[in-house]
Amino acid sequence: MTVRDEATEELEVWIDQDLCTGDGICAQYAPEVFELDIDGLAYVKPPAPIGQEAELLTEPGATARVPLPLLREVAESAKDCPGQCIHVRRVADRTEVFGPDAEDQGS
């Protein structure tokens, strides 16, 4: 699946903290979506209005919507994550489109 193919779908992202290595690549690529918490693991955060900080979602399996302007960065985070713990899926059918369980890892 390519980023262009998914650009019209509503997507969400979640992180499997059991697999997170804490490298922080995701937070470097898309700091508006990912953040490392005090425990050294990455978590997602929902989109926030300009000038406001989003609340970090620390519950296991918590999901955040992927803002369309950040889709490429989020997809690259899932691709480059050394822990293979970032999952991006379509909201409509919960099919993983980027991440370790996606069937096609095109760019």
C-alpha atoms as a PDB file:
ATOM      1  CA  MET A   1       0.000   0.000   0.000  1.00  0.00           C
ATOM      2  CA  THR A   2       1.386   3.411  -0.830  1.00  0.00           C
ATOM      3  CA  VAL A   3       0.910   6.672   0.999  1.00  0.00           C
ATOM      4  CA  ARG A   4      -0.879   8.024  -2.067  1.00  0.00           C
ATOM      5  CA  ASP A   5      -3.327   5.077  -2.014  1.00  0.00           C
ATOM      6  CA  GLU A   6      -4.232   5.775   1.612  1.00  0.00           C
ATOM      7  CA  ALA A   7      -4.496   9.560   1.330  1.00  0.00           C
ATOM      8  CA  THR A   8      -8.292   9.480   1.032  1.00  0.00           C
ATOM      9  CA  GLU A   9      -8.907   7.029   3.895  1.00  0.00           C
ATOM     10  CA  GLU A  10      -9.276   7.974   7.550  1.00  0.00           C
ATOM     11  CA  LEU A  11      -6.394   6.297   9.355  1.00  0.00           C
ATOM     12  CA  GLU A  12      -5.409   5.728  12.958  1.00  0.00           C
ATOM     13  CA  VAL A  13      -2.107   4.748  14.535  1.00  0.00           C
ATOM     14  CA  TRP A  14      -1.212   2.824  17.670  1.00  0.00           C
ATOM     15  CA  ILE A  15       1.977   1.536  19.260  1.00  0.00           C
ATOM     16  CA  ASP A  16       2.562  -1.848  20.839  1.00  0.00           C
ATOM     17  CA  GLN A  17       4.617  -0.742  23.845  1.00  0.00           C
ATOM     18  CA  ASP A  18       5.641  -4.368  24.535  1.00  0.00           C
ATOM     19  CA  LEU A  19       7.743  -4.168  21.340  1.00  0.00           C
ATOM     20  CA  CYS A  20       8.863  -0.535  21.593  1.00  0.00           C
ATOM     21  CA  THR A  21      12.640  -0.169  21.867  1.00  0.00           C
ATOM     22  CA  GLY A  22      12.507   3.531  22.798  1.00  0.00           C
ATOM     23  CA  ASP A  23      14.743   4.607  19.916  1.00  0.00           C
ATOM     24  CA  GLY A  24      12.557   7.659  19.295  1.00  0.00           C
ATOM     25  CA  ILE A  25      12.653   7.533  15.506  1.00  0.00           C
ATOM     26  CA  CYS A  26       8.884   7.993  15.416  1.00  0.00           C
ATOM     27  CA  ALA A  27       9.074  11.109  17.601  1.00  0.00           C
ATOM     28  CA  GLN A  28      11.781  12.514  15.333  1.00  0.00           C
ATOM     29  CA  TYR A  29       9.729  11.874  12.172  1.00  0.00           C
ATOM     30  CA  ALA A  30       6.341  13.017  13.496  1.00  0.00           C
ATOM     31  CA  PRO A  31       6.547  14.738  16.893  1.00  0.00           C
ATOM     32  CA  GLU A  32       2.943  15.918  16.477  1.00  0.00           C
ATOM     33  CA  VAL A  33       1.806  12.266  16.607  1.00  0.00           C
ATOM     34  CA  PHE A  34       4.440  10.413  18.678  1.00  0.00           C
ATOM     35  CA  GLU A  35       6.195  11.192  21.939  1.00  0.00           C
ATOM     36  CA  LEU A  36       8.482   9.333  24.327  1.00  0.00           C
ATOM     37  CA  ASP A  37       7.148   9.240  27.869  1.00  0.00           C
ATOM     38  CA  ILE A  38       9.095   9.147  31.132  1.00  0.00           C
ATOM     39  CA  ASP A  39       9.238   5.327  30.885  1.00  0.00           C
ATOM     40  CA  GLY A  40      11.300   5.676  27.682  1.00  0.00           C
ATOM     41  CA  LEU A  41       8.592   4.205  25.450  1.00  0.00           C
ATOM     42  CA  ALA A  42       6.747   5.855  22.584  1.00  0.00           C
ATOM     43  CA  TYR A  43       3.042   6.704  22.714  1.00  0.00           C
ATOM     44  CA  VAL A  44       0.593   8.365  20.334  1.00  0.00           C
ATOM     45  CA  LYS A  45      -1.185  11.639  20.805  1.00  0.00           C
ATOM     46  CA  PRO A  46      -4.275  12.923  19.000  1.00  0.00           C
ATOM     47  CA  PRO A  47      -4.220  15.965  16.730  1.00  0.00           C
ATOM     48  CA  ALA A  48      -4.329  19.228  18.685  1.00  0.00           C
ATOM     49  CA  PRO A  49      -5.328  22.732  17.641  1.00  0.00           C
ATOM     50  CA  ILE A  50      -2.439  24.947  16.566  1.00  0.00           C
ATOM     51  CA  GLY A  51      -0.623  26.340  19.577  1.00  0.00           C
ATOM     52  CA  GLN A  52      -1.924  23.650  21.931  1.00  0.00           C
ATOM     53  CA  GLU A  53      -0.178  20.504  23.140  1.00  0.00           C
ATOM     54  CA  ALA A  54      -2.008  17.185  22.719  1.00  0.00           C
ATOM     55  CA  GLU A  55      -2.425  14.836  25.661  1.00  0.00           C
ATOM     56  CA  LEU A  56      -0.264  11.721  25.472  1.00  0.00           C
ATOM     57  CA  LEU A  57      -2.404   8.563  25.239  1.00  0.00           C
ATOM     58  CA  THR A  58      -0.695   6.082  27.554  1.00  0.00           C
ATOM     59  CA  GLU A  59      -3.399   3.410  27.763  1.00  0.00           C
ATOM     60  CA  PRO A  60      -2.393   0.116  26.090  1.00  0.00           C
ATOM     61  CA  GLY A  61      -3.758  -0.016  22.540  1.00  0.00           C
ATOM     62  CA  ALA A  62      -4.734   3.675  22.494  1.00  0.00           C
ATOM     63  CA  THR A  63      -5.168   5.020  18.969  1.00  0.00           C
ATOM     64  CA  ALA A  64      -4.856   8.474  17.458  1.00  0.00           C
ATOM     65  CA  ARG A  65      -6.116   9.734  14.126  1.00  0.00           C
ATOM     66  CA  VAL A  66      -3.386  10.310  11.549  1.00  0.00           C
ATOM     67  CA  PRO A  67      -3.567  13.889  10.228  1.00  0.00           C
ATOM     68  CA  LEU A  68      -3.399  13.816   6.420  1.00  0.00           C
ATOM     69  CA  PRO A  69      -0.461  16.283   6.238  1.00  0.00           C
ATOM     70  CA  LEU A  70       1.576  13.889   8.429  1.00  0.00           C
ATOM     71  CA  LEU A  71       0.642  10.643   6.685  1.00  0.00           C
ATOM     72  CA  ARG A  72       3.994  10.241   4.942  1.00  0.00           C
ATOM     73  CA  GLU A  73       5.935  10.826   8.194  1.00  0.00           C
ATOM     74  CA  VAL A  74       3.755   8.392  10.145  1.00  0.00           C
ATOM     75  CA  ALA A  75       4.077   5.747   7.406  1.00  0.00           C
ATOM     76  CA  GLU A  76       7.862   6.192   7.359  1.00  0.00           C
ATOM     77  CA  SER A  77       7.916   5.870  11.160  1.00  0.00           C
ATOM     78  CA  ALA A  78       6.145   2.520  10.907  1.00  0.00           C
ATOM     79  CA  LYS A  79       8.522   1.392   8.157  1.00  0.00           C
ATOM     80  CA  ASP A  80      11.733   2.450   9.915  1.00  0.00           C
ATOM     81  CA  CYS A  81      10.818   1.515  13.502  1.00  0.00           C
ATOM     82  CA  PRO A  82      13.443  -0.949  14.806  1.00  0.00           C
ATOM     83  CA  GLY A  83      10.905  -2.477  17.203  1.00  0.00           C
ATOM     84  CA  GLN A  84       8.291  -3.012  14.480  1.00  0.00           C
ATOM     85  CA  CYS A  85       5.713  -1.725  16.957  1.00  0.00           C
ATOM     86  CA  ILE A  86       3.910   1.033  15.008  1.00  0.00           C
ATOM     87  CA  HIS A  87       0.609   0.042  13.432  1.00  0.00           C
ATOM     88  CA  VAL A  88      -1.340   2.264  11.019  1.00  0.00           C
ATOM     89  CA  ARG A  89      -4.775   1.054  10.027  1.00  0.00           C
ATOM     90  CA  ARG A  90      -7.893   2.202   8.230  1.00  0.00           C
ATOM     91  CA  VAL A  91     -10.600   3.265  10.652  1.00  0.00           C
ATOM     92  CA  ALA A  92     -13.396   1.864   8.466  1.00  0.00           C
ATOM     93  CA  ASP A  93     -12.324  -1.791   8.477  1.00  0.00           C
ATOM     94  CA  ARG A  94      -9.343  -1.807  10.888  1.00  0.00           C
ATOM     95  CA  THR A  95      -7.057  -3.199   8.177  1.00  0.00           C
ATOM     96  CA  GLU A  96      -3.390  -2.461   8.815  1.00  0.00           C
ATOM     97  CA  VAL A  97      -1.906  -0.505   5.910  1.00  0.00           C
ATOM     98  CA  PHE A  98       1.529   0.371   7.348  1.00  0.00           C
ATOM     99  CA  GLY A  99       3.428  -1.562   9.970  1.00  0.00           C
ATOM    100  CA  PRO A 100       4.481  -5.127  10.695  1.00  0.00           C
ATOM    101  CA  ASP A 101       1.073  -6.661   9.950  1.00  0.00           C
ATOM    102  CA  ALA A 102       0.443  -4.802   6.678  1.00  0.00           C
ATOM    103  CA  GLU A 103       0.335  -7.051   3.636  1.00  0.00           C
ATOM    104  CA  ASP A 104       2.052  -4.619   1.262  1.00  0.00           C
ATOM    105  CA  GLN A 105       4.900  -2.406   2.506  1.00  0.00           C
ATOM    106  CA  GLY A 106       5.190  -0.200  -0.615  1.00  0.00           C
ATOM    107  CA  SER A 107       6.438   3.373  -0.285  1.00  0.00           C
END
